[in-house]
Structures are given as structure tokens and as C-alpha cells.
PDB file of all heavy atoms in Angstrom:
ATOM      1  N   PRO A   1       4.918 -20.586  -6.742  1.00  0.00           N
ATOM      2  CA  PRO A   1       5.047 -19.251  -7.196  1.00  0.00           C
ATOM      3  C   PRO A   1       4.019 -18.216  -6.749  1.00  0.00           C
ATOM      4  O   PRO A   1       4.212 -17.045  -6.631  1.00  0.00           O
ATOM      5  CB  PRO A   1       5.042 -19.463  -8.766  1.00  0.00           C
ATOM      6  CG  PRO A   1       5.610 -20.848  -8.912  1.00  0.00           C
ATOM      7  CD  PRO A   1       5.027 -21.631  -7.731  1.00  0.00           C
ATOM      8  N   MET A   2       2.707 -18.688  -6.676  1.00  0.00           N
ATOM      9  CA  MET A   2       1.642 -17.809  -6.217  1.00  0.00           C
ATOM     10  C   MET A   2       1.906 -17.328  -4.818  1.00  0.00           C
ATOM     11  O   MET A   2       1.545 -16.189  -4.399  1.00  0.00           O
ATOM     12  CB  MET A   2       0.248 -18.446  -6.425  1.00  0.00           C
ATOM     13  CG  MET A   2      -0.166 -18.556  -7.784  1.00  0.00           C
ATOM     14  SD  MET A   2      -0.427 -16.893  -8.587  1.00  0.00           S
ATOM     15  CE  MET A   2      -1.939 -16.354  -7.815  1.00  0.00           C
ATOM     16  N   SER A   3       2.414 -18.178  -3.924  1.00  0.00           N
ATOM     17  CA  SER A   3       2.672 -17.797  -2.600  1.00  0.00           C
ATOM     18  C   SER A   3       3.782 -16.803  -2.505  1.00  0.00           C
ATOM     19  O   SER A   3       3.816 -15.797  -1.790  1.00  0.00           O
ATOM     20  CB  SER A   3       3.084 -19.026  -1.733  1.00  0.00           C
ATOM     21  OG  SER A   3       2.036 -19.884  -1.616  1.00  0.00           O
ATOM     22  N   GLN A   4       4.836 -16.988  -3.392  1.00  0.00           N
ATOM     23  CA  GLN A   4       5.887 -16.037  -3.460  1.00  0.00           C
ATOM     24  C   GLN A   4       5.355 -14.678  -4.089  1.00  0.00           C
ATOM     25  O   GLN A   4       5.769 -13.616  -3.547  1.00  0.00           O
ATOM     26  CB  GLN A   4       7.031 -16.517  -4.448  1.00  0.00           C
ATOM     27  CG  GLN A   4       7.677 -17.743  -3.966  1.00  0.00           C
ATOM     28  CD  GLN A   4       8.831 -18.176  -4.834  1.00  0.00           C
ATOM     29  OE1 GLN A   4       9.692 -17.434  -5.153  1.00  0.00           O
ATOM     30  NE2 GLN A   4       8.960 -19.472  -5.197  1.00  0.00           N
ATOM     31  N   PHE A   5       4.518 -14.688  -5.038  1.00  0.00           N
ATOM     32  CA  PHE A   5       3.872 -13.558  -5.629  1.00  0.00           C
ATOM     33  C   PHE A   5       3.213 -12.691  -4.496  1.00  0.00           C
ATOM     34  O   PHE A   5       3.280 -11.539  -4.476  1.00  0.00           O
ATOM     35  CB  PHE A   5       2.937 -13.969  -6.716  1.00  0.00           C
ATOM     36  CG  PHE A   5       2.670 -12.991  -7.895  1.00  0.00           C
ATOM     37  CD1 PHE A   5       2.110 -13.380  -9.066  1.00  0.00           C
ATOM     38  CD2 PHE A   5       3.115 -11.705  -7.755  1.00  0.00           C
ATOM     39  CE1 PHE A   5       1.929 -12.481 -10.095  1.00  0.00           C
ATOM     40  CE2 PHE A   5       2.954 -10.774  -8.766  1.00  0.00           C
ATOM     41  CZ  PHE A   5       2.291 -11.161  -9.927  1.00  0.00           C
ATOM     42  N   SER A   6       2.350 -13.414  -3.727  1.00  0.00           N
ATOM     43  CA  SER A   6       1.622 -12.717  -2.723  1.00  0.00           C
ATOM     44  C   SER A   6       2.522 -12.030  -1.674  1.00  0.00           C
ATOM     45  O   SER A   6       2.272 -10.930  -1.279  1.00  0.00           O
ATOM     46  CB  SER A   6       0.700 -13.774  -2.026  1.00  0.00           C
ATOM     47  OG  SER A   6      -0.010 -13.165  -0.926  1.00  0.00           O
ATOM     48  N   LEU A   7       3.614 -12.822  -1.375  1.00  0.00           N
ATOM     49  CA  LEU A   7       4.544 -12.270  -0.380  1.00  0.00           C
ATOM     50  C   LEU A   7       5.143 -10.964  -0.938  1.00  0.00           C
ATOM     51  O   LEU A   7       5.256  -9.910  -0.223  1.00  0.00           O
ATOM     52  CB  LEU A   7       5.646 -13.237  -0.133  1.00  0.00           C
ATOM     53  CG  LEU A   7       5.469 -14.383   0.883  1.00  0.00           C
ATOM     54  CD1 LEU A   7       6.585 -15.355   0.793  1.00  0.00           C
ATOM     55  CD2 LEU A   7       5.318 -13.832   2.273  1.00  0.00           C
ATOM     56  N   ALA A   8       5.561 -10.943  -2.163  1.00  0.00           N
ATOM     57  CA  ALA A   8       6.200  -9.784  -2.786  1.00  0.00           C
ATOM     58  C   ALA A   8       5.265  -8.598  -2.853  1.00  0.00           C
ATOM     59  O   ALA A   8       5.714  -7.522  -2.571  1.00  0.00           O
ATOM     60  CB  ALA A   8       6.742 -10.188  -4.186  1.00  0.00           C
ATOM     61  N   VAL A   9       4.085  -8.841  -3.237  1.00  0.00           N
ATOM     62  CA  VAL A   9       3.158  -7.728  -3.369  1.00  0.00           C
ATOM     63  C   VAL A   9       2.795  -7.147  -2.029  1.00  0.00           C
ATOM     64  O   VAL A   9       2.679  -5.935  -1.845  1.00  0.00           O
ATOM     65  CB  VAL A   9       1.810  -8.184  -4.128  1.00  0.00           C
ATOM     66  CG1 VAL A   9       0.793  -7.062  -4.110  1.00  0.00           C
ATOM     67  CG2 VAL A   9       2.132  -8.583  -5.578  1.00  0.00           C
ATOM     68  N   THR A  10       2.583  -8.043  -1.022  1.00  0.00           N
ATOM     69  CA  THR A  10       2.341  -7.597   0.423  1.00  0.00           C
ATOM     70  C   THR A  10       3.501  -6.733   0.845  1.00  0.00           C
ATOM     71  O   THR A  10       3.331  -5.623   1.468  1.00  0.00           O
ATOM     72  CB  THR A  10       2.141  -8.720   1.272  1.00  0.00           C
ATOM     73  OG1 THR A  10       1.008  -9.493   0.884  1.00  0.00           O
ATOM     74  CG2 THR A  10       1.834  -8.253   2.727  1.00  0.00           C
ATOM     75  N   ALA A  11       4.730  -7.115   0.541  1.00  0.00           N
ATOM     76  CA  ALA A  11       5.863  -6.376   0.955  1.00  0.00           C
ATOM     77  C   ALA A  11       5.957  -4.970   0.311  1.00  0.00           C
ATOM     78  O   ALA A  11       6.461  -4.027   0.862  1.00  0.00           O
ATOM     79  CB  ALA A  11       7.190  -7.112   0.653  1.00  0.00           C
ATOM     80  N   LEU A  12       5.438  -4.966  -0.950  1.00  0.00           N
ATOM     81  CA  LEU A  12       5.452  -3.661  -1.743  1.00  0.00           C
ATOM     82  C   LEU A  12       4.569  -2.559  -1.026  1.00  0.00           C
ATOM     83  O   LEU A  12       4.633  -1.387  -1.260  1.00  0.00           O
ATOM     84  CB  LEU A  12       4.997  -3.819  -3.094  1.00  0.00           C
ATOM     85  CG  LEU A  12       6.072  -4.185  -4.195  1.00  0.00           C
ATOM     86  CD1 LEU A  12       5.412  -4.433  -5.522  1.00  0.00           C
ATOM     87  CD2 LEU A  12       7.076  -2.990  -4.305  1.00  0.00           C
ATOM     88  N   GLN A  13       3.714  -3.075  -0.147  1.00  0.00           N
ATOM     89  CA  GLN A  13       2.825  -2.151   0.537  1.00  0.00           C
ATOM     90  C   GLN A  13       3.581  -1.000   1.249  1.00  0.00           C
ATOM     91  O   GLN A  13       3.061   0.108   1.458  1.00  0.00           O
ATOM     92  CB  GLN A  13       1.921  -2.912   1.564  1.00  0.00           C
ATOM     93  CG  GLN A  13       0.741  -2.117   2.117  1.00  0.00           C
ATOM     94  CD  GLN A  13       1.133  -1.329   3.416  1.00  0.00           C
ATOM     95  OE1 GLN A  13       2.159  -1.693   4.035  1.00  0.00           O
ATOM     96  NE2 GLN A  13       0.266  -0.416   3.707  1.00  0.00           N
ATOM     97  N   HIS A  14       4.758  -1.279   1.540  1.00  0.00           N
ATOM     98  CA  HIS A  14       5.689  -0.282   2.180  1.00  0.00           C
ATOM     99  C   HIS A  14       5.769   0.973   1.282  1.00  0.00           C
ATOM    100  O   HIS A  14       6.018   2.163   1.803  1.00  0.00           O
ATOM    101  CB  HIS A  14       7.070  -0.830   2.396  1.00  0.00           C
ATOM    102  CG  HIS A  14       7.998   0.074   3.065  1.00  0.00           C
ATOM    103  ND1 HIS A  14       8.947   0.837   2.386  1.00  0.00           N
ATOM    104  CD2 HIS A  14       8.180   0.374   4.313  1.00  0.00           C
ATOM    105  CE1 HIS A  14       9.632   1.560   3.234  1.00  0.00           C
ATOM    106  NE2 HIS A  14       9.260   1.343   4.453  1.00  0.00           N
ATOM    107  N   GLU A  15       5.590   0.788  -0.091  1.00  0.00           N
ATOM    108  CA  GLU A  15       5.632   1.934  -1.025  1.00  0.00           C
ATOM    109  C   GLU A  15       4.323   2.583  -1.270  1.00  0.00           C
ATOM    110  O   GLU A  15       4.283   3.545  -2.119  1.00  0.00           O
ATOM    111  CB  GLU A  15       6.156   1.337  -2.387  1.00  0.00           C
ATOM    112  CG  GLU A  15       7.406   0.499  -2.216  1.00  0.00           C
ATOM    113  CD  GLU A  15       8.581   1.244  -1.660  1.00  0.00           C
ATOM    114  OE1 GLU A  15       8.916   2.262  -2.082  1.00  0.00           O
ATOM    115  OE2 GLU A  15       9.288   0.734  -0.677  1.00  0.00           O
ATOM    116  N   SER A  16       3.299   2.197  -0.623  1.00  0.00           N
ATOM    117  CA  SER A  16       1.914   2.742  -0.891  1.00  0.00           C
ATOM    118  C   SER A  16       1.790   4.251  -0.730  1.00  0.00           C
ATOM    119  O   SER A  16       1.864   4.737   0.395  1.00  0.00           O
ATOM    120  CB  SER A  16       0.891   1.992  -0.122  1.00  0.00           C
ATOM    121  OG  SER A  16      -0.418   2.547  -0.248  1.00  0.00           O
ATOM    122  N   SER A  17       1.449   4.897  -1.770  1.00  0.00           N
ATOM    123  CA  SER A  17       1.164   6.333  -1.740  1.00  0.00           C
ATOM    124  C   SER A  17      -0.085   6.553  -0.955  1.00  0.00           C
ATOM    125  O   SER A  17      -0.174   7.608  -0.133  1.00  0.00           O
ATOM    126  CB  SER A  17       1.004   6.947  -3.151  1.00  0.00           C
ATOM    127  OG  SER A  17       2.192   6.837  -3.829  1.00  0.00           O
ATOM    128  N   PHE A  18      -1.118   5.703  -1.156  1.00  0.00           N
ATOM    129  CA  PHE A  18      -2.383   5.924  -0.449  1.00  0.00           C
ATOM    130  C   PHE A  18      -2.232   5.715   1.089  1.00  0.00           C
ATOM    131  O   PHE A  18      -2.755   6.514   1.770  1.00  0.00           O
ATOM    132  CB  PHE A  18      -3.469   4.941  -1.025  1.00  0.00           C
ATOM    133  CG  PHE A  18      -4.740   5.020  -0.208  1.00  0.00           C
ATOM    134  CD1 PHE A  18      -5.602   6.029  -0.491  1.00  0.00           C
ATOM    135  CD2 PHE A  18      -4.994   4.080   0.770  1.00  0.00           C
ATOM    136  CE1 PHE A  18      -6.847   6.046   0.281  1.00  0.00           C
ATOM    137  CE2 PHE A  18      -6.239   4.072   1.536  1.00  0.00           C
ATOM    138  CZ  PHE A  18      -7.151   5.126   1.292  1.00  0.00           C
ATOM    139  N   ALA A  19      -1.486   4.746   1.473  1.00  0.00           N
ATOM    140  CA  ALA A  19      -1.335   4.444   2.908  1.00  0.00           C
ATOM    141  C   ALA A  19      -0.640   5.611   3.641  1.00  0.00           C
ATOM    142  O   ALA A  19      -1.057   6.078   4.713  1.00  0.00           O
ATOM    143  CB  ALA A  19      -0.598   3.150   3.133  1.00  0.00           C
ATOM    144  N   LYS A  20       0.339   6.241   2.943  1.00  0.00           N
ATOM    145  CA  LYS A  20       1.105   7.310   3.480  1.00  0.00           C
ATOM    146  C   LYS A  20       0.196   8.615   3.608  1.00  0.00           C
ATOM    147  O   LYS A  20       0.170   9.308   4.528  1.00  0.00           O
ATOM    148  CB  LYS A  20       2.281   7.614   2.727  1.00  0.00           C
ATOM    149  CG  LYS A  20       3.376   6.451   2.827  1.00  0.00           C
ATOM    150  CD  LYS A  20       4.501   6.611   1.809  1.00  0.00           C
ATOM    151  CE  LYS A  20       5.483   5.407   1.885  1.00  0.00           C
ATOM    152  NZ  LYS A  20       6.546   5.461   0.849  1.00  0.00           N
ATOM    153  N   ALA A  21      -0.541   8.792   2.401  1.00  0.00           N
ATOM    154  CA  ALA A  21      -1.427  10.043   2.370  1.00  0.00           C
ATOM    155  C   ALA A  21      -2.512   9.908   3.426  1.00  0.00           C
ATOM    156  O   ALA A  21      -2.936  10.875   4.046  1.00  0.00           O
ATOM    157  CB  ALA A  21      -1.892  10.130   0.995  1.00  0.00           C
ATOM    158  N   TYR A  22      -3.113   8.714   3.597  1.00  0.00           N
ATOM    159  CA  TYR A  22      -4.218   8.439   4.521  1.00  0.00           C
ATOM    160  C   TYR A  22      -3.691   8.847   5.940  1.00  0.00           C
ATOM    161  O   TYR A  22      -4.457   9.519   6.705  1.00  0.00           O
ATOM    162  CB  TYR A  22      -4.705   7.129   4.429  1.00  0.00           C
ATOM    163  CG  TYR A  22      -5.926   6.902   5.338  1.00  0.00           C
ATOM    164  CD1 TYR A  22      -7.198   7.193   4.830  1.00  0.00           C
ATOM    165  CD2 TYR A  22      -5.746   6.352   6.628  1.00  0.00           C
ATOM    166  CE1 TYR A  22      -8.356   7.036   5.656  1.00  0.00           C
ATOM    167  CE2 TYR A  22      -6.934   6.191   7.513  1.00  0.00           C
ATOM    168  CZ  TYR A  22      -8.183   6.518   6.978  1.00  0.00           C
ATOM    169  OH  TYR A  22      -9.282   6.312   7.757  1.00  0.00           O
ATOM    170  N   GLN A  23      -2.448   8.403   6.253  1.00  0.00           N
ATOM    171  CA  GLN A  23      -1.963   8.762   7.610  1.00  0.00           C
ATOM    172  C   GLN A  23      -1.718  10.240   7.834  1.00  0.00           C
ATOM    173  O   GLN A  23      -1.744  10.666   8.856  1.00  0.00           O
ATOM    174  CB  GLN A  23      -0.587   7.981   7.740  1.00  0.00           C
ATOM    175  CG  GLN A  23      -0.766   6.415   7.893  1.00  0.00           C
ATOM    176  CD  GLN A  23      -1.595   6.126   9.088  1.00  0.00           C
ATOM    177  OE1 GLN A  23      -1.459   6.601  10.223  1.00  0.00           O
ATOM    178  NE2 GLN A  23      -2.583   5.113   8.870  1.00  0.00           N
ATOM    179  N   ASN A  24      -1.597  10.909   6.666  1.00  0.00           N
ATOM    180  CA  ASN A  24      -1.434  12.379   6.796  1.00  0.00           C
ATOM    181  C   ASN A  24      -2.735  13.107   6.797  1.00  0.00           C
ATOM    182  O   ASN A  24      -2.753  14.345   6.843  1.00  0.00           O
ATOM    183  CB  ASN A  24      -0.533  12.887   5.677  1.00  0.00           C
ATOM    184  CG  ASN A  24       0.914  12.451   5.742  1.00  0.00           C
ATOM    185  OD1 ASN A  24       1.372  12.334   6.817  1.00  0.00           O
ATOM    186  ND2 ASN A  24       1.551  12.215   4.595  1.00  0.00           N
ATOM    187  N   GLY A  25      -3.863  12.383   6.721  1.00  0.00           N
ATOM    188  CA  GLY A  25      -5.169  12.990   6.897  1.00  0.00           C
ATOM    189  C   GLY A  25      -5.727  13.611   5.591  1.00  0.00           C
ATOM    190  O   GLY A  25      -6.268  14.756   5.736  1.00  0.00           O
ATOM    191  N   ILE A  26      -5.622  13.012   4.489  1.00  0.00           N
ATOM    192  CA  ILE A  26      -6.131  13.556   3.251  1.00  0.00           C
ATOM    193  C   ILE A  26      -7.628  13.524   3.192  1.00  0.00           C
ATOM    194  O   ILE A  26      -8.297  12.672   3.903  1.00  0.00           O
ATOM    195  CB  ILE A  26      -5.585  12.812   1.964  1.00  0.00           C
ATOM    196  CG1 ILE A  26      -5.945  11.346   2.019  1.00  0.00           C
ATOM    197  CG2 ILE A  26      -4.156  13.021   1.817  1.00  0.00           C
ATOM    198  CD1 ILE A  26      -5.699  10.584   0.774  1.00  0.00           C
ATOM    199  N   SER A  27      -8.302  14.291   2.437  1.00  0.00           N
ATOM    200  CA  SER A  27      -9.709  14.326   2.242  1.00  0.00           C
ATOM    201  C   SER A  27     -10.197  13.148   1.464  1.00  0.00           C
ATOM    202  O   SER A  27      -9.471  12.567   0.669  1.00  0.00           O
ATOM    203  CB  SER A  27     -10.111  15.648   1.495  1.00  0.00           C
ATOM    204  OG  SER A  27     -11.406  15.525   0.993  1.00  0.00           O
ATOM    205  N   LYS A  28     -11.417  12.697   1.785  1.00  0.00           N
ATOM    206  CA  LYS A  28     -12.012  11.599   1.070  1.00  0.00           C
ATOM    207  C   LYS A  28     -12.011  11.826  -0.492  1.00  0.00           C
ATOM    208  O   LYS A  28     -11.868  10.907  -1.261  1.00  0.00           O
ATOM    209  CB  LYS A  28     -13.401  11.298   1.465  1.00  0.00           C
ATOM    210  CG  LYS A  28     -13.565  10.675   2.850  1.00  0.00           C
ATOM    211  CD  LYS A  28     -14.960  10.359   3.165  1.00  0.00           C
ATOM    212  CE  LYS A  28     -15.112   9.625   4.492  1.00  0.00           C
ATOM    213  NZ  LYS A  28     -16.547   9.288   4.859  1.00  0.00           N
ATOM    214  N   ALA A  29     -12.208  13.104  -0.852  1.00  0.00           N
ATOM    215  CA  ALA A  29     -12.271  13.475  -2.265  1.00  0.00           C
ATOM    216  C   ALA A  29     -10.929  13.187  -2.958  1.00  0.00           C
ATOM    217  O   ALA A  29     -10.902  13.078  -4.189  1.00  0.00           O
ATOM    218  CB  ALA A  29     -12.670  14.920  -2.383  1.00  0.00           C
ATOM    219  N   GLU A  30      -9.883  13.013  -2.253  1.00  0.00           N
ATOM    220  CA  GLU A  30      -8.578  12.763  -2.768  1.00  0.00           C
ATOM    221  C   GLU A  30      -8.176  11.338  -2.800  1.00  0.00           C
ATOM    222  O   GLU A  30      -7.078  10.944  -3.400  1.00  0.00           O
ATOM    223  CB  GLU A  30      -7.524  13.548  -2.105  1.00  0.00           C
ATOM    224  CG  GLU A  30      -7.662  15.133  -2.060  1.00  0.00           C
ATOM    225  CD  GLU A  30      -6.626  15.774  -1.248  1.00  0.00           C
ATOM    226  OE1 GLU A  30      -6.816  15.949  -0.072  1.00  0.00           O
ATOM    227  OE2 GLU A  30      -5.525  16.206  -1.863  1.00  0.00           O
TER     228      GLU A  30
END
């Protein structure tokens, strides 16, 4: 189950607000 858990959370990275915002060049303060 822990391996499944890790897989699922890694896949959720597709939804990351931070990853998308970082690619758009947000300020460090944000």
C-alpha cells in the first residue's frame, strides 16, 4: 500500500499550483 500511495501522490504532481506558477516566473515572495 505504501508503494501505491507514493505512486498516487507523485501522479498528483500534475495538479501542482506551485509547479505551474513557477514555470510562469512568479516572484520568490509569492
